[in-house]
């Protein structure tokens, strides 16, 4: 009888253990920091010139925009940009229309593929973006309240000293000049540091960092 009872109990034990095993591989799930790691890696690749064309386009566009804002007003810069864009699109549209008229082809509108793209923003996506933005807004408001209402005297004094130093910086540079310098430093210092840094130090690698974070989680 004891052997029969053991035989009847063993399948249930083995089935419960076998049912628990498959959950182990999937127990890790998606890492909460996977999106943040991906975005940080994208920024890292951008400022370290991993894709020269992409980084060159971003760097050139931002620098030209800042230099234009330093020389002209915001309204003038925006107006010139819109005029330049319209000049390109209208010229291309007229060119394709002439070519189609000469060749008697029926290719249709040259921007039809882009006109048919659905760019509507769903309410769910809008709420997601707003919720993510509100998290940062609330953090900023809490930080400002802490600093200006002197919750921590040391932090408030640090802010006061920093603002006092910024008055001297503002007397020499304006905001646009500081943004231009920041743009130049962001796209030049990292690549120069990577080129001339100590070879004994382990290079910062996005893929390796992501693999380490995945193992830790």
C-alpha atoms as a PDB file:
ATOM      1  CA  UNK A   1       0.000   0.000   0.000  1.00  0.00           C
ATOM      2  CA  UNK A   2       2.842   2.389   0.811  1.00  0.00           C
ATOM      3  CA  UNK A   3       4.407   1.731  -2.599  1.00  0.00           C
ATOM      4  CA  UNK A   4       1.041   2.385  -4.289  1.00  0.00           C
ATOM      5  CA  UNK A   5       0.628   5.682  -2.418  1.00  0.00           C
ATOM      6  CA  UNK A   6       4.137   6.746  -3.335  1.00  0.00           C
ATOM      7  CA  UNK A   7       3.487   5.866  -6.956  1.00  0.00           C
ATOM      8  CA  UNK A   8       0.308   7.938  -7.027  1.00  0.00           C
ATOM      9  CA  UNK A   9       1.989  10.925  -5.376  1.00  0.00           C
ATOM     10  CA  UNK A  10       5.131  10.966  -7.546  1.00  0.00           C
ATOM     11  CA  UNK A  11       3.376  12.062 -10.798  1.00  0.00           C
ATOM     12  CA  UNK A  12       1.868  15.079  -9.089  1.00  0.00           C
ATOM     13  CA  UNK A  13       5.219  16.060  -7.595  1.00  0.00           C
ATOM     14  CA  UNK A  14       7.030  15.648 -10.890  1.00  0.00           C
ATOM     15  CA  UNK A  15       4.325  17.537 -12.765  1.00  0.00           C
ATOM     16  CA  UNK A  16       4.462  20.438 -10.325  1.00  0.00           C
ATOM     17  CA  UNK A  17       8.235  20.606 -10.577  1.00  0.00           C
ATOM     18  CA  UNK A  18       8.134  20.381 -14.353  1.00  0.00           C
ATOM     19  CA  UNK A  19       5.502  23.105 -14.438  1.00  0.00           C
ATOM     20  CA  UNK A  20       7.661  25.382 -12.341  1.00  0.00           C
ATOM     21  CA  UNK A  21      10.743  24.977 -14.497  1.00  0.00           C
ATOM     22  CA  UNK A  22       9.498  26.714 -17.688  1.00  0.00           C
ATOM     23  CA  UNK A  23       8.726  29.879 -15.754  1.00  0.00           C
ATOM     24  CA  UNK A  24      12.401  30.405 -14.950  1.00  0.00           C
ATOM     25  CA  UNK A  25      13.540  31.551 -18.387  1.00  0.00           C
ATOM     26  CA  UNK A  26      10.743  34.060 -18.713  1.00  0.00           C
ATOM     27  CA  UNK A  27      10.885  35.244 -15.142  1.00  0.00           C
ATOM     28  CA  UNK A  28      13.239  38.072 -15.942  1.00  0.00           C
ATOM     29  CA  UNK A  29      10.802  39.761 -18.324  1.00  0.00           C
ATOM     30  CA  UNK A  30      11.629  43.069 -19.902  1.00  0.00           C
ATOM     31  CA  UNK A  31      14.078  45.206 -18.040  1.00  0.00           C
ATOM     32  CA  UNK A  32      12.555  48.497 -16.842  1.00  0.00           C
ATOM     33  CA  UNK A  33      15.646  50.351 -17.958  1.00  0.00           C
ATOM     34  CA  UNK A  34      15.739  48.882 -21.437  1.00  0.00           C
ATOM     35  CA  UNK A  35      14.205  51.977 -23.066  1.00  0.00           C
ATOM     36  CA  UNK A  36      16.401  54.356 -21.103  1.00  0.00           C
ATOM     37  CA  UNK A  37      19.478  52.297 -21.998  1.00  0.00           C
ATOM     38  CA  UNK A  38      18.476  52.369 -25.666  1.00  0.00           C
ATOM     39  CA  UNK A  39      17.995  56.137 -25.650  1.00  0.00           C
ATOM     40  CA  UNK A  40      21.273  56.715 -23.801  1.00  0.00           C
ATOM     41  CA  UNK A  41      23.072  54.495 -26.303  1.00  0.00           C
ATOM     42  CA  UNK A  42      21.535  56.466 -29.175  1.00  0.00           C
ATOM     43  CA  UNK A  43      22.783  59.733 -27.670  1.00  0.00           C
ATOM     44  CA  UNK A  44      26.197  58.167 -27.040  1.00  0.00           C
ATOM     45  CA  UNK A  45      26.485  56.995 -30.645  1.00  0.00           C
ATOM     46  CA  UNK A  46      25.428  60.449 -31.832  1.00  0.00           C
ATOM     47  CA  UNK A  47      28.000  62.491 -29.898  1.00  0.00           C
ATOM     48  CA  UNK A  48      30.774  59.944 -30.516  1.00  0.00           C
ATOM     49  CA  UNK A  49      30.244  60.134 -34.285  1.00  0.00           C
ATOM     50  CA  UNK A  50      29.419  56.438 -34.755  1.00  0.00           C
ATOM     51  CA  UNK A  51      27.327  57.378 -37.799  1.00  0.00           C
ATOM     52  CA  UNK A  52      29.213  60.244 -39.416  1.00  0.00           C
ATOM     53  CA  UNK A  53      26.376  61.267 -41.754  1.00  0.00           C
ATOM     54  CA  UNK A  54      23.749  61.320 -39.011  1.00  0.00           C
ATOM     55  CA  UNK A  55      25.948  63.155 -36.510  1.00  0.00           C
ATOM     56  CA  UNK A  56      27.179  65.579 -39.166  1.00  0.00           C
ATOM     57  CA  UNK A  57      23.602  66.396 -40.145  1.00  0.00           C
ATOM     58  CA  UNK A  58      22.504  66.975 -36.537  1.00  0.00           C
ATOM     59  CA  UNK A  59      25.628  68.957 -35.655  1.00  0.00           C
ATOM     60  CA  UNK A  60      25.512  71.090 -38.811  1.00  0.00           C
ATOM     61  CA  UNK A  61      21.794  71.775 -38.483  1.00  0.00           C
ATOM     62  CA  UNK A  62      21.983  72.817 -34.825  1.00  0.00           C
ATOM     63  CA  UNK A  63      25.069  74.961 -35.416  1.00  0.00           C
ATOM     64  CA  UNK A  64      23.556  76.753 -38.403  1.00  0.00           C
ATOM     65  CA  UNK A  65      20.345  77.343 -36.456  1.00  0.00           C
ATOM     66  CA  UNK A  66      22.218  78.803 -33.476  1.00  0.00           C
ATOM     67  CA  UNK A  67      24.429  80.994 -35.670  1.00  0.00           C
ATOM     68  CA  UNK A  68      21.359  82.230 -37.521  1.00  0.00           C
ATOM     69  CA  UNK A  69      19.625  83.061 -34.244  1.00  0.00           C
ATOM     70  CA  UNK A  70      22.748  84.945 -33.134  1.00  0.00           C
ATOM     71  CA  UNK A  71      22.648  87.114 -36.263  1.00  0.00           C
ATOM     72  CA  UNK A  72      18.896  87.437 -36.887  1.00  0.00           C
ATOM     73  CA  UNK A  73      15.686  87.435 -34.918  1.00  0.00           C
ATOM     74  CA  UNK A  74      13.688  84.264 -34.294  1.00  0.00           C
ATOM     75  CA  UNK A  75      10.941  85.437 -36.665  1.00  0.00           C
ATOM     76  CA  UNK A  76      13.454  86.052 -39.458  1.00  0.00           C
ATOM     77  CA  UNK A  77      15.131  82.655 -38.979  1.00  0.00           C
ATOM     78  CA  UNK A  78      11.829  80.780 -38.992  1.00  0.00           C
ATOM     79  CA  UNK A  79      10.622  82.724 -42.031  1.00  0.00           C
ATOM     80  CA  UNK A  80      13.811  82.022 -43.982  1.00  0.00           C
ATOM     81  CA  UNK A  81      13.665  78.324 -43.096  1.00  0.00           C
ATOM     82  CA  UNK A  82      10.069  78.037 -44.270  1.00  0.00           C
ATOM     83  CA  UNK A  83      10.879  79.936 -47.469  1.00  0.00           C
ATOM     84  CA  UNK A  84      13.855  77.667 -48.152  1.00  0.00           C
ATOM     85  CA  UNK A  85      11.753  74.551 -47.596  1.00  0.00           C
ATOM     86  CA  UNK A  86       8.959  75.837 -49.795  1.00  0.00           C
ATOM     87  CA  UNK A  87      11.452  76.774 -52.517  1.00  0.00           C
ATOM     88  CA  UNK A  88      12.788  73.226 -52.596  1.00  0.00           C
ATOM     89  CA  UNK A  89       9.395  71.506 -52.579  1.00  0.00           C
ATOM     90  CA  UNK A  90       7.745  73.866 -55.087  1.00  0.00           C
ATOM     91  CA  UNK A  91      10.728  73.653 -57.457  1.00  0.00           C
ATOM     92  CA  UNK A  92      10.713  69.865 -57.291  1.00  0.00           C
ATOM     93  CA  UNK A  93       6.938  69.769 -57.812  1.00  0.00           C
ATOM     94  CA  UNK A  94       7.156  72.020 -60.898  1.00  0.00           C
ATOM     95  CA  UNK A  95      10.142  70.055 -62.233  1.00  0.00           C
ATOM     96  CA  UNK A  96       8.312  66.723 -61.960  1.00  0.00           C
ATOM     97  CA  UNK A  97       5.193  68.229 -63.548  1.00  0.00           C
ATOM     98  CA  UNK A  98       7.211  69.451 -66.535  1.00  0.00           C
ATOM     99  CA  UNK A  99       8.929  66.090 -66.912  1.00  0.00           C
ATOM    100  CA  UNK A 100       5.588  64.288 -66.777  1.00  0.00           C
ATOM    101  CA  UNK A 101       4.120  66.670 -69.369  1.00  0.00           C
ATOM    102  CA  UNK A 102       7.074  66.186 -71.734  1.00  0.00           C
ATOM    103  CA  UNK A 103       7.197  62.416 -71.333  1.00  0.00           C
ATOM    104  CA  UNK A 104       3.385  62.142 -71.152  1.00  0.00           C
ATOM    105  CA  UNK A 105       3.631  59.872 -68.147  1.00  0.00           C
ATOM    106  CA  UNK A 106       1.096  59.310 -65.381  1.00  0.00           C
ATOM    107  CA  UNK A 107       3.350  59.153 -62.358  1.00  0.00           C
ATOM    108  CA  UNK A 108       1.078  61.388 -60.317  1.00  0.00           C
ATOM    109  CA  UNK A 109       2.040  63.669 -57.474  1.00  0.00           C
ATOM    110  CA  UNK A 110       5.761  63.353 -56.589  1.00  0.00           C
ATOM    111  CA  UNK A 111       5.005  63.597 -52.843  1.00  0.00           C
ATOM    112  CA  UNK A 112       2.035  61.225 -52.902  1.00  0.00           C
ATOM    113  CA  UNK A 113       3.832  58.626 -50.801  1.00  0.00           C
ATOM    114  CA  UNK A 114       4.420  61.221 -48.086  1.00  0.00           C
ATOM    115  CA  UNK A 115       0.931  62.713 -48.373  1.00  0.00           C
ATOM    116  CA  UNK A 116      -0.605  59.287 -47.719  1.00  0.00           C
ATOM    117  CA  UNK A 117       1.389  58.763 -44.530  1.00  0.00           C
ATOM    118  CA  UNK A 118      -0.821  58.772 -41.445  1.00  0.00           C
ATOM    119  CA  UNK A 119       0.692  61.268 -39.004  1.00  0.00           C
ATOM    120  CA  UNK A 120      -2.305  61.580 -36.708  1.00  0.00           C
ATOM    121  CA  UNK A 121      -1.523  61.331 -33.013  1.00  0.00           C
ATOM    122  CA  UNK A 122      -3.820  59.018 -31.107  1.00  0.00           C
ATOM    123  CA  UNK A 123      -5.312  60.095 -27.796  1.00  0.00           C
ATOM    124  CA  UNK A 124      -3.535  57.237 -26.041  1.00  0.00           C
ATOM    125  CA  UNK A 125      -0.141  58.290 -27.378  1.00  0.00           C
ATOM    126  CA  UNK A 126      -0.886  61.911 -26.503  1.00  0.00           C
ATOM    127  CA  UNK A 127      -1.764  60.988 -22.931  1.00  0.00           C
ATOM    128  CA  UNK A 128       1.378  58.868 -22.657  1.00  0.00           C
ATOM    129  CA  UNK A 129       3.548  61.777 -23.764  1.00  0.00           C
ATOM    130  CA  UNK A 130       1.735  64.152 -21.423  1.00  0.00           C
ATOM    131  CA  UNK A 131       2.113  61.774 -18.481  1.00  0.00           C
ATOM    132  CA  UNK A 132       5.825  61.396 -19.160  1.00  0.00           C
ATOM    133  CA  UNK A 133       6.199  65.174 -19.419  1.00  0.00           C
ATOM    134  CA  UNK A 134       4.212  65.756 -16.224  1.00  0.00           C
ATOM    135  CA  UNK A 135       6.594  63.506 -14.299  1.00  0.00           C
ATOM    136  CA  UNK A 136       9.511  65.789 -15.172  1.00  0.00           C
ATOM    137  CA  UNK A 137       7.433  68.932 -14.575  1.00  0.00           C
ATOM    138  CA  UNK A 138       6.425  67.757 -11.108  1.00  0.00           C
ATOM    139  CA  UNK A 139      10.022  66.889 -10.249  1.00  0.00           C
ATOM    140  CA  UNK A 140      11.159  70.339 -11.373  1.00  0.00           C
ATOM    141  CA  UNK A 141       8.426  72.059  -9.350  1.00  0.00           C
ATOM    142  CA  UNK A 142       9.331  70.090  -6.233  1.00  0.00           C
ATOM    143  CA  UNK A 143      12.996  70.970  -6.697  1.00  0.00           C
ATOM    144  CA  UNK A 144      12.208  74.674  -7.115  1.00  0.00           C
ATOM    145  CA  UNK A 145      10.021  74.673  -4.011  1.00  0.00           C
ATOM    146  CA  UNK A 146      12.800  72.972  -2.032  1.00  0.00           C
ATOM    147  CA  UNK A 147      15.389  75.489  -3.161  1.00  0.00           C
ATOM    148  CA  UNK A 148      13.406  78.712  -2.879  1.00  0.00           C
ATOM    149  CA  UNK A 149      11.705  77.828   0.396  1.00  0.00           C
ATOM    150  CA  UNK A 150      15.082  76.783   1.860  1.00  0.00           C
ATOM    151  CA  UNK A 151      14.235  73.219   2.841  1.00  0.00           C
ATOM    152  CA  UNK A 152      17.986  72.581   2.825  1.00  0.00           C
ATOM    153  CA  UNK A 153      20.065  75.663   3.598  1.00  0.00           C
ATOM    154  CA  UNK A 154      23.197  74.268   1.916  1.00  0.00           C
ATOM    155  CA  UNK A 155      21.412  73.544  -1.362  1.00  0.00           C
ATOM    156  CA  UNK A 156      19.819  77.005  -1.409  1.00  0.00           C
ATOM    157  CA  UNK A 157      23.192  78.624  -0.760  1.00  0.00           C
ATOM    158  CA  UNK A 158      24.726  76.598  -3.592  1.00  0.00           C
ATOM    159  CA  UNK A 159      22.021  77.876  -5.932  1.00  0.00           C
ATOM    160  CA  UNK A 160      22.638  81.454  -4.795  1.00  0.00           C
ATOM    161  CA  UNK A 161      26.397  81.154  -5.390  1.00  0.00           C
ATOM    162  CA  UNK A 162      25.813  79.556  -8.790  1.00  0.00           C
ATOM    163  CA  UNK A 163      23.428  82.330  -9.834  1.00  0.00           C
ATOM    164  CA  UNK A 164      25.903  84.948  -8.619  1.00  0.00           C
ATOM    165  CA  UNK A 165      28.612  83.403 -10.794  1.00  0.00           C
ATOM    166  CA  UNK A 166      26.213  83.279 -13.731  1.00  0.00           C
ATOM    167  CA  UNK A 167      25.793  87.056 -13.529  1.00  0.00           C
ATOM    168  CA  UNK A 168      29.474  87.383 -14.489  1.00  0.00           C
ATOM    169  CA  UNK A 169      29.056  84.826 -17.267  1.00  0.00           C
ATOM    170  CA  UNK A 170      26.017  86.718 -18.558  1.00  0.00           C
ATOM    171  CA  UNK A 171      28.025  89.941 -18.627  1.00  0.00           C
ATOM    172  CA  UNK A 172      30.482  88.323 -21.079  1.00  0.00           C
ATOM    173  CA  UNK A 173      28.288  85.921 -23.065  1.00  0.00           C
ATOM    174  CA  UNK A 174      24.656  85.937 -24.047  1.00  0.00           C
ATOM    175  CA  UNK A 175      22.432  82.868 -24.139  1.00  0.00           C
ATOM    176  CA  UNK A 176      22.944  82.112 -27.836  1.00  0.00           C
ATOM    177  CA  UNK A 177      26.722  82.295 -27.487  1.00  0.00           C
ATOM    178  CA  UNK A 178      26.623  79.825 -24.609  1.00  0.00           C
ATOM    179  CA  UNK A 179      24.434  77.472 -26.633  1.00  0.00           C
ATOM    180  CA  UNK A 180      26.865  77.660 -29.567  1.00  0.00           C
ATOM    181  CA  UNK A 181      29.793  76.862 -27.275  1.00  0.00           C
ATOM    182  CA  UNK A 182      27.836  74.011 -25.695  1.00  0.00           C
ATOM    183  CA  UNK A 183      27.001  72.595 -29.135  1.00  0.00           C
ATOM    184  CA  UNK A 184      30.653  72.717 -30.178  1.00  0.00           C
ATOM    185  CA  UNK A 185      31.810  71.084 -26.941  1.00  0.00           C
ATOM    186  CA  UNK A 186      29.186  68.330 -27.018  1.00  0.00           C
ATOM    187  CA  UNK A 187      30.165  67.227 -30.517  1.00  0.00           C
ATOM    188  CA  UNK A 188      33.946  67.671 -30.147  1.00  0.00           C
ATOM    189  CA  UNK A 189      35.075  66.858 -26.601  1.00  0.00           C
ATOM    190  CA  UNK A 190      33.770  63.236 -26.460  1.00  0.00           C
ATOM    191  CA  UNK A 191      35.417  62.160 -29.702  1.00  0.00           C
ATOM    192  CA  UNK A 192      38.695  63.909 -28.803  1.00  0.00           C
ATOM    193  CA  UNK A 193      38.657  62.285 -25.362  1.00  0.00           C
ATOM    194  CA  UNK A 194      38.006  58.863 -26.871  1.00  0.00           C
ATOM    195  CA  UNK A 195      40.872  59.310 -29.312  1.00  0.00           C
ATOM    196  CA  UNK A 196      43.501  60.469 -26.816  1.00  0.00           C
ATOM    197  CA  UNK A 197      42.394  58.772 -23.580  1.00  0.00           C
ATOM    198  CA  UNK A 198      44.494  56.276 -21.628  1.00  0.00           C
ATOM    199  CA  UNK A 199      44.537  52.972 -23.563  1.00  0.00           C
ATOM    200  CA  UNK A 200      44.562  51.015 -20.281  1.00  0.00           C
ATOM    201  CA  UNK A 201      41.045  52.224 -19.472  1.00  0.00           C
ATOM    202  CA  UNK A 202      38.170  50.083 -20.645  1.00  0.00           C
ATOM    203  CA  UNK A 203      36.210  51.854 -23.384  1.00  0.00           C
ATOM    204  CA  UNK A 204      32.585  52.716 -22.696  1.00  0.00           C
ATOM    205  CA  UNK A 205      30.442  50.481 -24.865  1.00  0.00           C
ATOM    206  CA  UNK A 206      26.665  50.574 -25.125  1.00  0.00           C
ATOM    207  CA  UNK A 207      26.285  46.931 -26.040  1.00  0.00           C
ATOM    208  CA  UNK A 208      28.523  45.809 -23.185  1.00  0.00           C
ATOM    209  CA  UNK A 209      26.714  48.039 -20.716  1.00  0.00           C
ATOM    210  CA  UNK A 210      23.345  46.718 -21.856  1.00  0.00           C
ATOM    211  CA  UNK A 211      24.569  43.153 -21.497  1.00  0.00           C
ATOM    212  CA  UNK A 212      25.806  43.861 -17.953  1.00  0.00           C
ATOM    213  CA  UNK A 213      22.492  45.466 -16.993  1.00  0.00           C
ATOM    214  CA  UNK A 214      20.606  42.484 -18.419  1.00  0.00           C
ATOM    215  CA  UNK A 215      22.722  40.051 -16.379  1.00  0.00           C
ATOM    216  CA  UNK A 216      22.216  42.101 -13.208  1.00  0.00           C
ATOM    217  CA  UNK A 217      18.447  42.148 -13.646  1.00  0.00           C
END
